[in-house]
């Protein structure tokens, strides 16, 4: 079913292009989009696949986790993902354990994330397995995927976020088109 939410995201991307940055909370429009059944699980696998395919140097345990993620997600259909549950749960556990270091801060504790792409795969699997009916989880995943640190404006939507928002919009257009085809059958 066609919505106007992708266009709202394109406005955010234009704002990034014209003004240099946008507030991360501008992605909250995604919560409404994720209310439609199956969209969030599709999005979670989409992000996990994107993160597992990112180029970069990884060695040791990180390289092994990336390989395992690519193997698990290789044939996953984005429209109706069917990822083997037990294998996904095991990989999620390994991913979480790999980056399970915490630092005590004045106001609480913070988890130390050394590899952002592995974190995105972990979060994508977590949502797919246990939170596929929670639109706020989808928003958080999109925010984690799109945010970028820039010394002039901190963590927000800027520079590389422009391309990532366009990736999400293309994904949304594809899902909506496939939903329309399915509805007409």
Protein backbone atom coordinates (compact mmCIF):
# COMPACT_ATOMS: atom_id res chain seq x y z
CA UNK A 1 0.00 0.00 0.00
CA UNK A 2 1.45 3.33 -1.10
CA UNK A 3 2.18 5.89 1.63
CA UNK A 4 3.67 9.40 1.75
CA UNK A 5 6.32 8.44 4.30
CA UNK A 6 9.08 7.83 1.70
CA UNK A 7 8.52 11.37 0.42
CA UNK A 8 8.86 12.70 3.97
CA UNK A 9 12.23 10.96 4.21
CA UNK A 10 13.28 12.48 0.89
CA UNK A 11 12.53 15.90 2.38
CA UNK A 12 14.88 15.04 5.27
CA UNK A 13 17.57 14.01 2.75
CA UNK A 14 17.10 17.31 0.91
CA UNK A 15 17.48 19.16 4.21
CA UNK A 16 20.78 17.33 4.81
CA UNK A 17 21.97 18.26 1.33
CA UNK A 18 20.97 21.91 1.65
CA UNK A 19 21.66 22.65 5.33
CA UNK A 20 24.38 20.10 6.11
CA UNK A 21 22.47 18.16 8.77
CA UNK A 22 19.08 17.23 10.20
CA UNK A 23 17.91 16.06 13.59
CA UNK A 24 17.89 12.29 14.10
CA UNK A 25 14.32 12.42 15.38
CA UNK A 26 13.15 13.31 11.87
CA UNK A 27 13.22 9.56 11.23
CA UNK A 28 10.33 8.98 13.65
CA UNK A 29 7.97 9.09 10.65
CA UNK A 30 9.11 5.52 10.06
CA UNK A 31 7.18 4.32 13.12
CA UNK A 32 3.91 4.78 11.24
CA UNK A 33 5.26 2.92 8.21
CA UNK A 34 6.34 -0.03 10.39
CA UNK A 35 2.80 -0.49 11.74
CA UNK A 36 1.93 -2.47 8.60
CA UNK A 37 2.48 -6.22 9.25
CA UNK A 38 5.74 -7.74 7.99
CA UNK A 39 7.40 -4.42 7.12
CA UNK A 40 9.57 -4.30 10.23
CA UNK A 41 10.90 -7.84 9.88
CA UNK A 42 11.69 -7.10 6.23
CA UNK A 43 13.45 -3.87 7.20
CA UNK A 44 15.44 -5.59 9.95
CA UNK A 45 16.77 -8.19 7.51
CA UNK A 46 17.40 -5.49 4.89
CA UNK A 47 19.60 -3.53 7.32
CA UNK A 48 21.38 -6.69 8.53
CA UNK A 49 22.13 -7.65 4.92
CA UNK A 50 23.39 -4.14 4.10
CA UNK A 51 25.63 -4.12 7.17
CA UNK A 52 27.00 -7.61 6.47
CA UNK A 53 27.91 -6.58 2.93
CA UNK A 54 29.85 -3.45 3.87
CA UNK A 55 33.45 -3.45 2.76
CA UNK A 56 36.21 -2.97 5.27
CA UNK A 57 39.04 -4.78 6.94
CA UNK A 58 38.06 -7.30 9.57
CA UNK A 59 40.22 -9.97 11.10
CA UNK A 60 39.83 -12.80 13.58
CA UNK A 61 36.48 -13.19 15.30
CA UNK A 62 34.94 -10.13 13.58
CA UNK A 63 35.73 -11.53 10.12
CA UNK A 64 34.20 -14.87 11.11
CA UNK A 65 31.03 -13.15 12.35
CA UNK A 66 30.72 -11.22 9.08
CA UNK A 67 31.12 -14.44 7.08
CA UNK A 68 28.49 -16.22 9.19
CA UNK A 69 26.08 -13.30 8.76
CA UNK A 70 26.57 -13.26 4.99
CA UNK A 71 25.94 -17.00 4.79
CA UNK A 72 22.81 -16.75 6.97
CA UNK A 73 21.34 -13.78 5.10
CA UNK A 74 22.48 -14.66 1.57
CA UNK A 75 19.23 -16.10 0.27
CA UNK A 76 16.85 -14.14 2.51
CA UNK A 77 13.96 -12.68 0.56
CA UNK A 78 13.53 -9.09 1.75
CA UNK A 79 9.77 -9.03 1.10
CA UNK A 80 9.04 -12.10 3.19
CA UNK A 81 12.24 -13.07 5.01
CA UNK A 82 12.52 -16.62 6.25
CA UNK A 83 15.80 -16.82 8.08
CA UNK A 84 16.44 -20.08 9.99
CA UNK A 85 15.43 -19.19 13.56
CA UNK A 86 17.90 -21.35 15.48
CA UNK A 87 20.87 -20.32 13.34
CA UNK A 88 19.83 -16.66 13.62
CA UNK A 89 19.51 -16.96 17.43
CA UNK A 90 22.98 -18.52 17.69
CA UNK A 91 24.53 -15.83 15.49
CA UNK A 92 22.74 -13.11 17.46
CA UNK A 93 24.19 -14.57 20.68
CA UNK A 94 27.71 -14.61 19.21
CA UNK A 95 27.34 -11.04 17.93
CA UNK A 96 26.11 -9.81 21.31
CA UNK A 97 28.85 -11.63 23.19
CA UNK A 98 31.51 -10.24 20.83
CA UNK A 99 30.66 -6.66 21.82
CA UNK A 100 29.41 -7.13 25.36
CA UNK A 101 31.86 -4.79 27.07
CA UNK A 102 30.34 -2.06 29.24
CA UNK A 103 31.79 1.08 30.71
CA UNK A 104 30.55 2.58 33.92
CA UNK A 105 29.68 6.25 33.52
CA UNK A 106 28.48 8.82 36.02
CA UNK A 107 24.81 8.40 35.00
CA UNK A 108 24.86 4.64 34.33
CA UNK A 109 26.60 2.14 32.12
CA UNK A 110 27.17 2.25 28.38
CA UNK A 111 27.85 -0.62 26.02
CA UNK A 112 31.09 -0.25 24.07
CA UNK A 113 30.53 -0.85 20.35
CA UNK A 114 33.75 -1.32 18.44
CA UNK A 115 32.27 -2.49 15.13
CA UNK A 116 29.15 -0.57 14.11
CA UNK A 117 28.30 -2.91 11.22
CA UNK A 118 28.32 -5.98 13.48
CA UNK A 119 26.08 -4.06 15.88
CA UNK A 120 23.61 -3.35 13.05
CA UNK A 121 23.54 -7.04 12.10
CA UNK A 122 22.94 -7.94 15.75
CA UNK A 123 20.10 -5.41 16.07
CA UNK A 124 18.54 -6.48 12.77
CA UNK A 125 18.48 -10.09 13.92
CA UNK A 126 17.15 -9.12 17.36
CA UNK A 127 14.23 -7.25 15.82
CA UNK A 128 13.56 -10.02 13.29
CA UNK A 129 13.56 -12.70 15.99
CA UNK A 130 11.81 -11.01 18.89
CA UNK A 131 10.49 -7.51 18.12
CA UNK A 132 8.95 -7.56 14.63
CA UNK A 133 5.77 -5.89 15.93
CA UNK A 134 7.48 -2.94 17.62
CA UNK A 135 7.66 0.14 15.34
CA UNK A 136 9.85 2.09 17.83
CA UNK A 137 12.49 -0.65 17.43
CA UNK A 138 12.44 -0.04 13.67
CA UNK A 139 12.94 3.67 14.20
CA UNK A 140 15.92 2.98 16.48
CA UNK A 141 17.45 0.63 13.91
CA UNK A 142 17.03 3.23 11.16
CA UNK A 143 18.54 5.90 13.41
CA UNK A 144 21.51 3.66 14.23
CA UNK A 145 21.96 2.93 10.52
CA UNK A 146 21.73 6.55 9.35
CA UNK A 147 23.34 8.57 12.13
CA UNK A 148 26.83 9.87 11.60
CA UNK A 149 29.20 11.70 13.89
CA UNK A 150 30.45 15.06 12.69
CA UNK A 151 32.54 17.25 14.99
CA UNK A 152 30.62 20.35 13.96
CA UNK A 153 27.18 18.98 14.89
CA UNK A 154 27.69 15.75 16.87
CA UNK A 155 25.67 12.62 16.16
CA UNK A 156 22.90 13.47 13.74
CA UNK A 157 21.85 13.01 10.15
CA UNK A 158 24.54 14.49 7.93
CA UNK A 159 26.88 13.71 5.02
CA UNK A 160 26.72 9.90 4.63
CA UNK A 161 23.19 9.88 6.09
CA UNK A 162 21.93 11.32 2.80
CA UNK A 163 22.83 8.13 0.90
CA UNK A 164 21.53 5.84 3.63
CA UNK A 165 18.17 7.60 3.70
CA UNK A 166 17.92 7.12 -0.07
CA UNK A 167 18.68 3.40 0.40
CA UNK A 168 15.83 3.17 2.91
CA UNK A 169 13.48 5.04 0.58
CA UNK A 170 14.28 2.67 -2.31
CA UNK A 171 13.60 -0.24 0.06
CA UNK A 172 10.26 1.30 1.09
CA UNK A 173 9.19 1.90 -2.51
CA UNK A 174 10.02 -1.73 -3.33
CA UNK A 175 8.07 -3.09 -0.37
CA UNK A 176 5.07 -0.89 -1.14
CA UNK A 177 5.11 -1.95 -4.80
CA UNK A 178 5.30 -5.64 -3.84
CA UNK A 179 2.43 -5.14 -1.39
CA UNK A 180 0.36 -3.58 -4.17
CA UNK A 181 1.08 -6.55 -6.46
CA UNK A 182 0.14 -8.96 -3.67
CA UNK A 183 -3.10 -7.07 -2.97
CA UNK A 184 -4.15 -7.21 -6.63
CA UNK A 185 -3.80 -11.01 -6.74
